[in-house]
């Protein structure tokens, strides 16, 4: 059963990474109603988690390709900046914040560190 799940994920990692990229764009640019519970800094944690998942998915999807992992990290970073710029320029209801870019970058770097530490130890995977 686990082997089937592993094969299914391996075969669809590119699709998963693309869907995650599109989902982050949609969620970042859509109008969101007022949240019933306000917790300071929660949105920064959400940014870090979203970009951790995005970066890790792309690193896994392109692991066997000739694309350097640092280039994937750079692309995820630039994607986050583009999304923040689009929030400012294309919407009247969303704000682009420098702290969002910092949170995105934190998630990206944690994903990169986890990826390197996992695959350096388990190069046979």
PDB file of N, CA and C in Angstrom:
ATOM      1  N   UNK A   1       0.821  -1.192   0.000  1.00  0.00           N
ATOM      2  CA  UNK A   1       0.000   0.000   0.000  1.00  0.00           C
ATOM      3  C   UNK A   1       0.864   1.254   0.000  1.00  0.00           C
ATOM      4  N   UNK A   2       1.878   1.302   0.882  1.00  0.00           N
ATOM      5  CA  UNK A   2       2.762   2.468   0.928  1.00  0.00           C
ATOM      6  C   UNK A   2       3.555   2.625  -0.362  1.00  0.00           C
ATOM      7  N   UNK A   3       3.902   1.498  -0.961  1.00  0.00           N
ATOM      8  CA  UNK A   3       4.643   1.554  -2.215  1.00  0.00           C
ATOM      9  C   UNK A   3       3.779   2.166  -3.317  1.00  0.00           C
ATOM     10  N   UNK A   4       2.489   1.834  -3.338  1.00  0.00           N
ATOM     11  CA  UNK A   4       1.571   2.415  -4.319  1.00  0.00           C
ATOM     12  C   UNK A   4       1.430   3.915  -4.123  1.00  0.00           C
ATOM     13  N   UNK A   5       1.317   4.332  -2.869  1.00  0.00           N
ATOM     14  CA  UNK A   5       1.197   5.765  -2.566  1.00  0.00           C
ATOM     15  C   UNK A   5       2.467   6.496  -2.995  1.00  0.00           C
ATOM     16  N   UNK A   6       3.624   5.904  -2.712  1.00  0.00           N
ATOM     17  CA  UNK A   6       4.897   6.511  -3.098  1.00  0.00           C
ATOM     18  C   UNK A   6       4.990   6.646  -4.608  1.00  0.00           C
ATOM     19  N   UNK A   7       4.606   5.611  -5.350  1.00  0.00           N
ATOM     20  CA  UNK A   7       4.633   5.669  -6.809  1.00  0.00           C
ATOM     21  C   UNK A   7       3.642   6.692  -7.354  1.00  0.00           C
ATOM     22  N   UNK A   8       2.466   6.762  -6.750  1.00  0.00           N
ATOM     23  CA  UNK A   8       1.463   7.736  -7.176  1.00  0.00           C
ATOM     24  C   UNK A   8       1.976   9.156  -6.979  1.00  0.00           C
ATOM     25  N   UNK A   9       2.568   9.434  -5.825  1.00  0.00           N
ATOM     26  CA  UNK A   9       3.115  10.759  -5.565  1.00  0.00           C
ATOM     27  C   UNK A   9       4.272  11.072  -6.498  1.00  0.00           C
ATOM     28  N   UNK A  10       5.154  10.098  -6.690  1.00  0.00           N
ATOM     29  CA  UNK A  10       6.320  10.300  -7.540  1.00  0.00           C
ATOM     30  C   UNK A  10       5.899  10.662  -8.960  1.00  0.00           C
ATOM     31  N   UNK A  11       4.880   9.996  -9.461  1.00  0.00           N
ATOM     32  CA  UNK A  11       4.428  10.225 -10.826  1.00  0.00           C
ATOM     33  C   UNK A  11       3.673  11.544 -10.981  1.00  0.00           C
ATOM     34  N   UNK A  12       3.140  12.087  -9.893  1.00  0.00           N
ATOM     35  CA  UNK A  12       2.306  13.289  -9.987  1.00  0.00           C
ATOM     36  C   UNK A  12       2.886  14.497  -9.267  1.00  0.00           C
ATOM     37  N   UNK A  13       4.151  14.474  -8.913  1.00  0.00           N
ATOM     38  CA  UNK A  13       4.735  15.587  -8.175  1.00  0.00           C
ATOM     39  C   UNK A  13       4.711  16.895  -8.965  1.00  0.00           C
ATOM     40  N   UNK A  14       4.936  16.826 -10.268  1.00  0.00           N
ATOM     41  CA  UNK A  14       4.888  18.047 -11.085  1.00  0.00           C
ATOM     42  C   UNK A  14       3.492  18.660 -11.058  1.00  0.00           C
ATOM     43  N   UNK A  15       2.487  17.832 -11.185  1.00  0.00           N
ATOM     44  CA  UNK A  15       1.107  18.320 -11.162  1.00  0.00           C
ATOM     45  C   UNK A  15       0.778  18.913  -9.802  1.00  0.00           C
ATOM     46  N   UNK A  16       1.210  18.255  -8.737  1.00  0.00           N
ATOM     47  CA  UNK A  16       0.966  18.754  -7.383  1.00  0.00           C
ATOM     48  C   UNK A  16       1.641  20.107  -7.198  1.00  0.00           C
ATOM     49  N   UNK A  17       2.877  20.251  -7.647  1.00  0.00           N
ATOM     50  CA  UNK A  17       3.603  21.516  -7.504  1.00  0.00           C
ATOM     51  C   UNK A  17       2.918  22.631  -8.295  1.00  0.00           C
ATOM     52  N   UNK A  18       2.463  22.329  -9.489  1.00  0.00           N
ATOM     53  CA  UNK A  18       1.754  23.322 -10.308  1.00  0.00           C
ATOM     54  C   UNK A  18       0.449  23.732  -9.631  1.00  0.00           C
ATOM     55  N   UNK A  19      -0.299  22.765  -9.123  1.00  0.00           N
ATOM     56  CA  UNK A  19      -1.560  23.082  -8.448  1.00  0.00           C
ATOM     57  C   UNK A  19      -1.331  23.907  -7.180  1.00  0.00           C
ATOM     58  N   UNK A  20      -0.280  23.617  -6.448  1.00  0.00           N
ATOM     59  CA  UNK A  20       0.060  24.417  -5.273  1.00  0.00           C
ATOM     60  C   UNK A  20       0.393  25.859  -5.667  1.00  0.00           C
ATOM     61  N   UNK A  21       1.136  26.023  -6.752  1.00  0.00           N
ATOM     62  CA  UNK A  21       1.503  27.357  -7.229  1.00  0.00           C
ATOM     63  C   UNK A  21       0.264  28.157  -7.602  1.00  0.00           C
ATOM     64  N   UNK A  22      -0.646  27.529  -8.329  1.00  0.00           N
ATOM     65  CA  UNK A  22      -1.889  28.200  -8.723  1.00  0.00           C
ATOM     66  C   UNK A  22      -2.745  28.502  -7.501  1.00  0.00           C
ATOM     67  N   UNK A  23      -2.825  27.568  -6.576  1.00  0.00           N
ATOM     68  CA  UNK A  23      -3.634  27.762  -5.369  1.00  0.00           C
ATOM     69  C   UNK A  23      -3.139  28.942  -4.539  1.00  0.00           C
ATOM     70  N   UNK A  24      -1.831  29.068  -4.393  1.00  0.00           N
ATOM     71  CA  UNK A  24      -1.282  30.187  -3.633  1.00  0.00           C
ATOM     72  C   UNK A  24      -1.613  31.503  -4.318  1.00  0.00           C
ATOM     73  N   UNK A  25      -1.530  31.541  -5.636  1.00  0.00           N
ATOM     74  CA  UNK A  25      -1.872  32.766  -6.361  1.00  0.00           C
ATOM     75  C   UNK A  25      -3.340  33.135  -6.151  1.00  0.00           C
ATOM     76  N   UNK A  26      -4.210  32.173  -6.272  1.00  0.00           N
ATOM     77  CA  UNK A  26      -5.641  32.433  -6.101  1.00  0.00           C
ATOM     78  C   UNK A  26      -5.944  32.892  -4.688  1.00  0.00           C
ATOM     79  N   UNK A  27      -5.431  32.168  -3.703  1.00  0.00           N
ATOM     80  CA  UNK A  27      -5.687  32.528  -2.306  1.00  0.00           C
ATOM     81  C   UNK A  27      -5.077  33.881  -1.941  1.00  0.00           C
ATOM     82  N   UNK A  28      -3.975  34.221  -2.568  1.00  0.00           N
ATOM     83  CA  UNK A  28      -3.315  35.491  -2.262  1.00  0.00           C
ATOM     84  C   UNK A  28      -4.008  36.679  -2.908  1.00  0.00           C
ATOM     85  N   UNK A  29      -4.743  36.443  -3.992  1.00  0.00           N
ATOM     86  CA  UNK A  29      -5.344  37.558  -4.725  1.00  0.00           C
ATOM     87  C   UNK A  29      -6.859  37.664  -4.557  1.00  0.00           C
ATOM     88  N   UNK A  30      -7.472  36.662  -3.950  1.00  0.00           N
ATOM     89  CA  UNK A  30      -8.924  36.728  -3.787  1.00  0.00           C
ATOM     90  C   UNK A  30      -9.302  37.563  -2.572  1.00  0.00           C
ATOM     91  N   UNK A  31     -10.531  38.075  -2.606  1.00  0.00           N
ATOM     92  CA  UNK A  31     -11.030  38.873  -1.495  1.00  0.00           C
ATOM     93  C   UNK A  31     -11.463  37.927  -0.377  1.00  0.00           C
ATOM     94  N   UNK A  32     -10.981  38.220   0.824  1.00  0.00           N
ATOM     95  CA  UNK A  32     -11.287  37.386   1.977  1.00  0.00           C
ATOM     96  C   UNK A  32     -12.109  38.228   2.957  1.00  0.00           C
ATOM     97  N   UNK A  33     -13.159  37.622   3.471  1.00  0.00           N
ATOM     98  CA  UNK A  33     -13.975  38.322   4.456  1.00  0.00           C
ATOM     99  C   UNK A  33     -13.253  38.471   5.780  1.00  0.00           C
ATOM    100  N   UNK A  34     -13.832  39.228   6.660  1.00  0.00           N
ATOM    101  CA  UNK A  34     -13.245  39.432   7.982  1.00  0.00           C
ATOM    102  C   UNK A  34     -13.258  38.115   8.744  1.00  0.00           C
ATOM    103  N   UNK A  35     -12.123  37.792   9.320  1.00  0.00           N
ATOM    104  CA  UNK A  35     -11.990  36.552  10.069  1.00  0.00           C
ATOM    105  C   UNK A  35     -12.654  36.690  11.438  1.00  0.00           C
ATOM    106  N   UNK A  36     -13.387  35.675  11.893  1.00  0.00           N
ATOM    107  CA  UNK A  36     -14.066  35.771  13.185  1.00  0.00           C
ATOM    108  C   UNK A  36     -13.104  35.832  14.372  1.00  0.00           C
ATOM    109  N   UNK A  37     -11.951  35.203  14.224  1.00  0.00           N
ATOM    110  CA  UNK A  37     -10.954  35.211  15.300  1.00  0.00           C
ATOM    111  C   UNK A  37      -9.691  35.863  14.749  1.00  0.00           C
ATOM    112  N   UNK A  38      -9.250  36.912  15.407  1.00  0.00           N
ATOM    113  CA  UNK A  38      -8.044  37.619  14.994  1.00  0.00           C
ATOM    114  C   UNK A  38      -6.890  37.241  15.911  1.00  0.00           C
ATOM    115  N   UNK A  39      -5.843  36.669  15.344  1.00  0.00           N
ATOM    116  CA  UNK A  39      -4.641  36.313  16.099  1.00  0.00           C
ATOM    117  C   UNK A  39      -3.475  37.052  15.454  1.00  0.00           C
ATOM    118  N   UNK A  40      -2.780  37.860  16.241  1.00  0.00           N
ATOM    119  CA  UNK A  40      -1.654  38.628  15.707  1.00  0.00           C
ATOM    120  C   UNK A  40      -0.570  37.696  15.179  1.00  0.00           C
ATOM    121  N   UNK A  41      -0.125  37.963  13.952  1.00  0.00           N
ATOM    122  CA  UNK A  41       0.965  37.204  13.359  1.00  0.00           C
ATOM    123  C   UNK A  41       0.557  35.893  12.715  1.00  0.00           C
ATOM    124  N   UNK A  42      -0.708  35.515  12.811  1.00  0.00           N
ATOM    125  CA  UNK A  42      -1.136  34.236  12.231  1.00  0.00           C
ATOM    126  C   UNK A  42      -0.942  34.223  10.724  1.00  0.00           C
ATOM    127  N   UNK A  43      -1.190  35.349  10.068  1.00  0.00           N
ATOM    128  CA  UNK A  43      -1.032  35.380   8.610  1.00  0.00           C
ATOM    129  C   UNK A  43       0.423  35.172   8.201  1.00  0.00           C
ATOM    130  N   UNK A  44       1.366  35.592   9.022  1.00  0.00           N
ATOM    131  CA  UNK A  44       2.786  35.378   8.700  1.00  0.00           C
ATOM    132  C   UNK A  44       3.136  33.891   8.812  1.00  0.00           C
ATOM    133  N   UNK A  45       2.560  33.219   9.788  1.00  0.00           N
ATOM    134  CA  UNK A  45       2.769  31.773   9.924  1.00  0.00           C
ATOM    135  C   UNK A  45       2.164  31.055   8.721  1.00  0.00           C
ATOM    136  N   UNK A  46       0.983  31.507   8.290  1.00  0.00           N
ATOM    137  CA  UNK A  46       0.349  30.922   7.108  1.00  0.00           C
ATOM    138  C   UNK A  46       1.214  31.112   5.865  1.00  0.00           C
ATOM    139  N   UNK A  47       1.812  32.299   5.731  1.00  0.00           N
ATOM    140  CA  UNK A  47       2.719  32.550   4.601  1.00  0.00           C
ATOM    141  C   UNK A  47       3.907  31.602   4.642  1.00  0.00           C
ATOM    142  N   UNK A  48       4.532  31.478   5.810  1.00  0.00           N
ATOM    143  CA  UNK A  48       5.702  30.616   5.940  1.00  0.00           C
ATOM    144  C   UNK A  48       5.358  29.161   5.609  1.00  0.00           C
ATOM    145  N   UNK A  49       4.218  28.694   6.093  1.00  0.00           N
ATOM    146  CA  UNK A  49       3.802  27.313   5.819  1.00  0.00           C
ATOM    147  C   UNK A  49       3.516  27.116   4.330  1.00  0.00           C
ATOM    148  N   UNK A  50       2.804  28.069   3.739  1.00  0.00           N
ATOM    149  CA  UNK A  50       2.457  27.958   2.316  1.00  0.00           C
ATOM    150  C   UNK A  50       3.714  27.900   1.449  1.00  0.00           C
ATOM    151  N   UNK A  51       4.679  28.756   1.725  1.00  0.00           N
ATOM    152  CA  UNK A  51       5.883  28.776   0.898  1.00  0.00           C
ATOM    153  C   UNK A  51       6.836  27.639   1.237  1.00  0.00           C
ATOM    154  N   UNK A  52       6.766  27.118   2.451  1.00  0.00           N
ATOM    155  CA  UNK A  52       7.503  25.894   2.777  1.00  0.00           C
ATOM    156  C   UNK A  52       6.979  24.753   1.903  1.00  0.00           C
ATOM    157  N   UNK A  53       5.667  24.569   1.885  1.00  0.00           N
ATOM    158  CA  UNK A  53       5.048  23.488   1.108  1.00  0.00           C
ATOM    159  C   UNK A  53       5.330  23.684  -0.378  1.00  0.00           C
ATOM    160  N   UNK A  54       5.177  24.914  -0.874  1.00  0.00           N
ATOM    161  CA  UNK A  54       5.425  25.205  -2.286  1.00  0.00           C
ATOM    162  C   UNK A  54       6.861  24.860  -2.673  1.00  0.00           C
ATOM    163  N   UNK A  55       7.809  25.351  -1.902  1.00  0.00           N
ATOM    164  CA  UNK A  55       9.219  25.124  -2.222  1.00  0.00           C
ATOM    165  C   UNK A  55       9.586  23.647  -2.126  1.00  0.00           C
ATOM    166  N   UNK A  56       9.131  22.986  -1.075  1.00  0.00           N
ATOM    167  CA  UNK A  56       9.443  21.573  -0.911  1.00  0.00           C
ATOM    168  C   UNK A  56       8.843  20.748  -2.051  1.00  0.00           C
ATOM    169  N   UNK A  57       7.621  21.098  -2.464  1.00  0.00           N
ATOM    170  CA  UNK A  57       6.982  20.373  -3.570  1.00  0.00           C
ATOM    171  C   UNK A  57       7.787  20.540  -4.859  1.00  0.00           C
ATOM    172  N   UNK A  58       8.223  21.761  -5.153  1.00  0.00           N
ATOM    173  CA  UNK A  58       9.008  21.977  -6.374  1.00  0.00           C
ATOM    174  C   UNK A  58      10.382  21.298  -6.281  1.00  0.00           C
ATOM    175  N   UNK A  59      10.994  21.334  -5.102  1.00  0.00           N
ATOM    176  CA  UNK A  59      12.279  20.659  -4.953  1.00  0.00           C
ATOM    177  C   UNK A  59      12.143  19.152  -5.180  1.00  0.00           C
ATOM    178  N   UNK A  60      11.073  18.568  -4.664  1.00  0.00           N
ATOM    179  CA  UNK A  60      10.844  17.136  -4.887  1.00  0.00           C
ATOM    180  C   UNK A  60      10.494  16.844  -6.339  1.00  0.00           C
ATOM    181  N   UNK A  61       9.659  17.693  -6.919  1.00  0.00           N
ATOM    182  CA  UNK A  61       9.219  17.462  -8.300  1.00  0.00           C
ATOM    183  C   UNK A  61      10.388  17.532  -9.279  1.00  0.00           C
ATOM    184  N   UNK A  62      11.332  18.422  -9.021  1.00  0.00           N
ATOM    185  CA  UNK A  62      12.436  18.630  -9.966  1.00  0.00           C
ATOM    186  C   UNK A  62      13.756  18.034  -9.470  1.00  0.00           C
ATOM    187  N   UNK A  63      13.677  17.164  -8.481  1.00  0.00           N
ATOM    188  CA  UNK A  63      14.874  16.568  -7.880  1.00  0.00           C
ATOM    189  C   UNK A  63      15.705  15.796  -8.894  1.00  0.00           C
ATOM    190  N   UNK A  64      15.057  15.075  -9.777  1.00  0.00           N
ATOM    191  CA  UNK A  64      15.778  14.242 -10.748  1.00  0.00           C
ATOM    192  C   UNK A  64      16.182  15.014 -12.000  1.00  0.00           C
ATOM    193  N   UNK A  65      15.741  16.266 -12.113  1.00  0.00           N
ATOM    194  CA  UNK A  65      16.081  17.059 -13.297  1.00  0.00           C
ATOM    195  C   UNK A  65      17.455  17.696 -13.108  1.00  0.00           C
ATOM    196  N   UNK A  66      17.916  18.376 -14.132  1.00  0.00           N
ATOM    197  CA  UNK A  66      19.213  19.037 -14.069  1.00  0.00           C
ATOM    198  C   UNK A  66      19.110  20.441 -13.469  1.00  0.00           C
ATOM    199  N   UNK A  67      17.909  20.827 -13.032  1.00  0.00           N
ATOM    200  CA  UNK A  67      17.709  22.157 -12.469  1.00  0.00           C
ATOM    201  C   UNK A  67      18.287  22.190 -11.054  1.00  0.00           C
ATOM    202  N   UNK A  68      19.098  23.182 -10.803  1.00  0.00           N
ATOM    203  CA  UNK A  68      19.750  23.338  -9.513  1.00  0.00           C
ATOM    204  C   UNK A  68      18.714  23.720  -8.452  1.00  0.00           C
ATOM    205  N   UNK A  69      18.841  23.159  -7.271  1.00  0.00           N
ATOM    206  CA  UNK A  69      17.907  23.444  -6.179  1.00  0.00           C
ATOM    207  C   UNK A  69      17.920  24.920  -5.801  1.00  0.00           C
ATOM    208  N   UNK A  70      19.072  25.568  -5.912  1.00  0.00           N
ATOM    209  CA  UNK A  70      19.155  26.992  -5.594  1.00  0.00           C
ATOM    210  C   UNK A  70      18.320  27.822  -6.569  1.00  0.00           C
ATOM    211  N   UNK A  71      18.236  27.391  -7.816  1.00  0.00           N
ATOM    212  CA  UNK A  71      17.410  28.088  -8.790  1.00  0.00           C
ATOM    213  C   UNK A  71      15.926  27.944  -8.442  1.00  0.00           C
ATOM    214  N   UNK A  72      15.534  26.786  -7.975  1.00  0.00           N
ATOM    215  CA  UNK A  72      14.146  26.566  -7.547  1.00  0.00           C
ATOM    216  C   UNK A  72      13.822  27.472  -6.366  1.00  0.00           C
ATOM    217  N   UNK A  73      14.743  27.555  -5.414  1.00  0.00           N
ATOM    218  CA  UNK A  73      14.557  28.435  -4.255  1.00  0.00           C
ATOM    219  C   UNK A  73      14.433  29.885  -4.712  1.00  0.00           C
ATOM    220  N   UNK A  74      15.285  30.309  -5.625  1.00  0.00           N
ATOM    221  CA  UNK A  74      15.221  31.678  -6.148  1.00  0.00           C
ATOM    222  C   UNK A  74      13.889  31.940  -6.846  1.00  0.00           C
ATOM    223  N   UNK A  75      13.421  30.990  -7.634  1.00  0.00           N
ATOM    224  CA  UNK A  75      12.139  31.151  -8.338  1.00  0.00           C
ATOM    225  C   UNK A  75      10.973  31.263  -7.355  1.00  0.00           C
ATOM    226  N   UNK A  76      10.994  30.468  -6.304  1.00  0.00           N
ATOM    227  CA  UNK A  76       9.936  30.558  -5.282  1.00  0.00           C
ATOM    228  C   UNK A  76       9.978  31.912  -4.584  1.00  0.00           C
ATOM    229  N   UNK A  77      11.170  32.412  -4.308  1.00  0.00           N
ATOM    230  CA  UNK A  77      11.340  33.730  -3.689  1.00  0.00           C
ATOM    231  C   UNK A  77      10.775  34.821  -4.607  1.00  0.00           C
ATOM    232  N   UNK A  78      11.142  34.775  -5.888  1.00  0.00           N
ATOM    233  CA  UNK A  78      10.650  35.769  -6.844  1.00  0.00           C
ATOM    234  C   UNK A  78       9.142  35.657  -7.032  1.00  0.00           C
ATOM    235  N   UNK A  79       8.617  34.456  -7.008  1.00  0.00           N
ATOM    236  CA  UNK A  79       7.177  34.236  -7.100  1.00  0.00           C
ATOM    237  C   UNK A  79       6.464  34.933  -5.942  1.00  0.00           C
ATOM    238  N   UNK A  80       7.010  34.804  -4.741  1.00  0.00           N
ATOM    239  CA  UNK A  80       6.425  35.469  -3.580  1.00  0.00           C
ATOM    240  C   UNK A  80       6.423  36.978  -3.725  1.00  0.00           C
ATOM    241  N   UNK A  81       7.508  37.528  -4.254  1.00  0.00           N
ATOM    242  CA  UNK A  81       7.580  38.977  -4.468  1.00  0.00           C
ATOM    243  C   UNK A  81       6.576  39.411  -5.528  1.00  0.00           C
ATOM    244  N   UNK A  82       6.450  38.631  -6.595  1.00  0.00           N
ATOM    245  CA  UNK A  82       5.488  38.956  -7.658  1.00  0.00           C
ATOM    246  C   UNK A  82       4.061  38.938  -7.111  1.00  0.00           C
ATOM    247  N   UNK A  83       3.738  37.949  -6.292  1.00  0.00           N
ATOM    248  CA  UNK A  83       2.398  37.874  -5.699  1.00  0.00           C
ATOM    249  C   UNK A  83       2.126  39.097  -4.831  1.00  0.00           C
ATOM    250  N   UNK A  84       3.103  39.491  -4.018  1.00  0.00           N
ATOM    251  CA  UNK A  84       2.927  40.676  -3.172  1.00  0.00           C
ATOM    252  C   UNK A  84       2.747  41.933  -4.029  1.00  0.00           C
ATOM    253  N   UNK A  85       3.506  42.043  -5.114  1.00  0.00           N
ATOM    254  CA  UNK A  85       3.365  43.197  -6.013  1.00  0.00           C
ATOM    255  C   UNK A  85       1.991  43.193  -6.687  1.00  0.00           C
ATOM    256  N   UNK A  86       1.514  42.017  -7.070  1.00  0.00           N
ATOM    257  CA  UNK A  86       0.186  41.919  -7.679  1.00  0.00           C
ATOM    258  C   UNK A  86      -0.910  42.299  -6.688  1.00  0.00           C
ATOM    259  N   UNK A  87      -0.729  41.985  -5.428  1.00  0.00           N
ATOM    260  CA  UNK A  87      -1.715  42.377  -4.426  1.00  0.00           C
ATOM    261  C   UNK A  87      -1.850  43.897  -4.368  1.00  0.00           C
ATOM    262  N   UNK A  88      -0.749  44.597  -4.499  1.00  0.00           N
ATOM    263  CA  UNK A  88      -0.764  46.059  -4.436  1.00  0.00           C
ATOM    264  C   UNK A  88      -1.324  46.655  -5.724  1.00  0.00           C
ATOM    265  N   UNK A  89      -0.925  46.103  -6.865  1.00  0.00           N
ATOM    266  CA  UNK A  89      -1.256  46.735  -8.144  1.00  0.00           C
ATOM    267  C   UNK A  89      -2.589  46.304  -8.744  1.00  0.00           C
ATOM    268  N   UNK A  90      -3.028  45.097  -8.470  1.00  0.00           N
ATOM    269  CA  UNK A  90      -4.242  44.613  -9.147  1.00  0.00           C
ATOM    270  C   UNK A  90      -5.464  44.514  -8.255  1.00  0.00           C
ATOM    271  N   UNK A  91      -5.292  44.674  -6.956  1.00  0.00           N
ATOM    272  CA  UNK A  91      -6.436  44.583  -6.064  1.00  0.00           C
ATOM    273  C   UNK A  91      -6.532  45.851  -5.226  1.00  0.00           C
ATOM    274  N   UNK A  92      -7.759  46.158  -4.808  1.00  0.00           N
ATOM    275  CA  UNK A  92      -7.953  47.300  -3.906  1.00  0.00           C
ATOM    276  C   UNK A  92      -8.228  46.804  -2.485  1.00  0.00           C
ATOM    277  N   UNK A  93      -8.309  45.514  -2.315  1.00  0.00           N
ATOM    278  CA  UNK A  93      -8.695  44.926  -1.031  1.00  0.00           C
ATOM    279  C   UNK A  93      -7.573  44.126  -0.378  1.00  0.00           C
ATOM    280  N   UNK A  94      -6.433  44.021  -1.009  1.00  0.00           N
ATOM    281  CA  UNK A  94      -5.300  43.300  -0.432  1.00  0.00           C
ATOM    282  C   UNK A  94      -4.097  44.225  -0.353  1.00  0.00           C
ATOM    283  N   UNK A  95      -3.253  44.004   0.632  1.00  0.00           N
ATOM    284  CA  UNK A  95      -2.046  44.801   0.814  1.00  0.00           C
ATOM    285  C   UNK A  95      -0.818  43.909   0.635  1.00  0.00           C
ATOM    286  N   UNK A  96       0.168  44.431  -0.050  1.00  0.00           N
ATOM    287  CA  UNK A  96       1.445  43.744  -0.122  1.00  0.00           C
ATOM    288  C   UNK A  96       2.310  44.249   1.018  1.00  0.00           C
ATOM    289  N   UNK A  97       2.873  43.351   1.785  1.00  0.00           N
ATOM    290  CA  UNK A  97       3.659  43.750   2.953  1.00  0.00           C
ATOM    291  C   UNK A  97       5.057  43.146   2.884  1.00  0.00           C
ATOM    292  N   UNK A  98       6.023  43.926   3.327  1.00  0.00           N
ATOM    293  CA  UNK A  98       7.398  43.437   3.360  1.00  0.00           C
ATOM    294  C   UNK A  98       7.531  42.282   4.351  1.00  0.00           C
ATOM    295  N   UNK A  99       6.751  42.298   5.430  1.00  0.00           N
ATOM    296  CA  UNK A  99       6.807  41.191   6.391  1.00  0.00           C
ATOM    297  C   UNK A  99       6.250  39.895   5.797  1.00  0.00           C
ATOM    298  N   UNK A 100       5.355  40.011   4.830  1.00  0.00           N
ATOM    299  CA  UNK A 100       4.886  38.819   4.123  1.00  0.00           C
ATOM    300  C   UNK A 100       6.033  38.209   3.312  1.00  0.00           C
ATOM    301  N   UNK A 101       6.835  39.070   2.682  1.00  0.00           N
ATOM    302  CA  UNK A 101       7.998  38.580   1.926  1.00  0.00           C
ATOM    303  C   UNK A 101       8.995  37.906   2.876  1.00  0.00           C
ATOM    304  N   UNK A 102       9.171  38.488   4.059  1.00  0.00           N
ATOM    305  CA  UNK A 102      10.071  37.885   5.057  1.00  0.00           C
ATOM    306  C   UNK A 102       9.535  36.520   5.491  1.00  0.00           C
ATOM    307  N   UNK A 103       8.222  36.429   5.731  1.00  0.00           N
ATOM    308  CA  UNK A 103       7.617  35.150   6.123  1.00  0.00           C
ATOM    309  C   UNK A 103       7.737  34.131   4.992  1.00  0.00           C
ATOM    310  N   UNK A 104       7.492  34.570   3.752  1.00  0.00           N
ATOM    311  CA  UNK A 104       7.643  33.674   2.601  1.00  0.00           C
ATOM    312  C   UNK A 104       9.077  33.142   2.534  1.00  0.00           C
ATOM    313  N   UNK A 105      10.025  34.045   2.678  1.00  0.00           N
ATOM    314  CA  UNK A 105      11.438  33.673   2.598  1.00  0.00           C
ATOM    315  C   UNK A 105      11.816  32.702   3.711  1.00  0.00           C
ATOM    316  N   UNK A 106      11.266  32.907   4.889  1.00  0.00           N
ATOM    317  CA  UNK A 106      11.522  31.990   6.010  1.00  0.00           C
ATOM    318  C   UNK A 106      11.046  30.584   5.657  1.00  0.00           C
ATOM    319  N   UNK A 107       9.827  30.468   5.137  1.00  0.00           N
ATOM    320  CA  UNK A 107       9.306  29.168   4.730  1.00  0.00           C
ATOM    321  C   UNK A 107      10.144  28.528   3.639  1.00  0.00           C
ATOM    322  N   UNK A 108      10.585  29.334   2.680  1.00  0.00           N
ATOM    323  CA  UNK A 108      11.415  28.837   1.578  1.00  0.00           C
ATOM    324  C   UNK A 108      12.740  28.298   2.104  1.00  0.00           C
ATOM    325  N   UNK A 109      13.384  29.055   2.972  1.00  0.00           N
ATOM    326  CA  UNK A 109      14.687  28.630   3.491  1.00  0.00           C
ATOM    327  C   UNK A 109      14.579  27.394   4.371  1.00  0.00           C
ATOM    328  N   UNK A 110      13.530  27.307   5.167  1.00  0.00           N
ATOM    329  CA  UNK A 110      13.333  26.106   5.995  1.00  0.00           C
ATOM    330  C   UNK A 110      13.114  24.880   5.101  1.00  0.00           C
ATOM    331  N   UNK A 111      12.337  25.051   4.035  1.00  0.00           N
ATOM    332  CA  UNK A 111      12.115  23.940   3.094  1.00  0.00           C
ATOM    333  C   UNK A 111      13.428  23.509   2.446  1.00  0.00           C
ATOM    334  N   UNK A 112      14.239  24.476   2.061  1.00  0.00           N
ATOM    335  CA  UNK A 112      15.517  24.175   1.423  1.00  0.00           C
ATOM    336  C   UNK A 112      16.452  23.439   2.389  1.00  0.00           C
ATOM    337  N   UNK A 113      16.509  23.894   3.630  1.00  0.00           N
ATOM    338  CA  UNK A 113      17.354  23.247   4.630  1.00  0.00           C
ATOM    339  C   UNK A 113      16.862  21.822   4.905  1.00  0.00           C
ATOM    340  N   UNK A 114      15.557  21.651   5.046  1.00  0.00           N
ATOM    341  CA  UNK A 114      14.998  20.302   5.260  1.00  0.00           C
ATOM    342  C   UNK A 114      15.292  19.393   4.081  1.00  0.00           C
ATOM    343  N   UNK A 115      15.124  19.921   2.882  1.00  0.00           N
ATOM    344  CA  UNK A 115      15.389  19.148   1.662  1.00  0.00           C
ATOM    345  C   UNK A 115      16.853  18.702   1.618  1.00  0.00           C
ATOM    346  N   UNK A 116      17.767  19.648   1.854  1.00  0.00           N
ATOM    347  CA  UNK A 116      19.191  19.303   1.811  1.00  0.00           C
ATOM    348  C   UNK A 116      19.565  18.299   2.890  1.00  0.00           C
ATOM    349  N   UNK A 117      19.066  18.507   4.088  1.00  0.00           N
ATOM    350  CA  UNK A 117      19.435  17.591   5.170  1.00  0.00           C
ATOM    351  C   UNK A 117      18.848  16.203   4.947  1.00  0.00           C
ATOM    352  N   UNK A 118      17.654  16.124   4.394  1.00  0.00           N
ATOM    353  CA  UNK A 118      17.045  14.816   4.161  1.00  0.00           C
ATOM    354  C   UNK A 118      17.722  14.081   3.016  1.00  0.00           C
ATOM    355  N   UNK A 119      17.958  14.764   1.908  1.00  0.00           N
ATOM    356  CA  UNK A 119      18.486  14.073   0.745  1.00  0.00           C
ATOM    357  C   UNK A 119      20.004  13.924   0.764  1.00  0.00           C
ATOM    358  N   UNK A 120      20.703  14.660   1.601  1.00  0.00           N
ATOM    359  CA  UNK A 120      22.131  14.402   1.768  1.00  0.00           C
ATOM    360  C   UNK A 120      22.334  13.093   2.529  1.00  0.00           C
ATOM    361  N   UNK A 121      21.466  12.848   3.516  1.00  0.00           N
ATOM    362  CA  UNK A 121      21.576  11.631   4.316  1.00  0.00           C
ATOM    363  C   UNK A 121      21.034  10.422   3.558  1.00  0.00           C
ATOM    364  N   UNK A 122      20.060  10.635   2.689  1.00  0.00           N
ATOM    365  CA  UNK A 122      19.382   9.539   2.008  1.00  0.00           C
ATOM    366  C   UNK A 122      19.504   9.676   0.508  1.00  0.00           C
ATOM    367  N   UNK A 123      20.720   9.676   0.008  1.00  0.00           N
ATOM    368  CA  UNK A 123      20.931   9.874  -1.419  1.00  0.00           C
ATOM    369  C   UNK A 123      20.390   8.716  -2.256  1.00  0.00           C
ATOM    370  N   UNK A 124      20.134   7.588  -1.674  1.00  0.00           N
ATOM    371  CA  UNK A 124      19.612   6.448  -2.413  1.00  0.00           C
ATOM    372  C   UNK A 124      18.127   6.587  -2.705  1.00  0.00           C
ATOM    373  N   UNK A 125      17.449   7.522  -2.027  1.00  0.00           N
ATOM    374  CA  UNK A 125      15.994   7.660  -2.207  1.00  0.00           C
ATOM    375  C   UNK A 125      15.694   8.290  -3.535  1.00  0.00           C
TER     376      UNK A 125
END
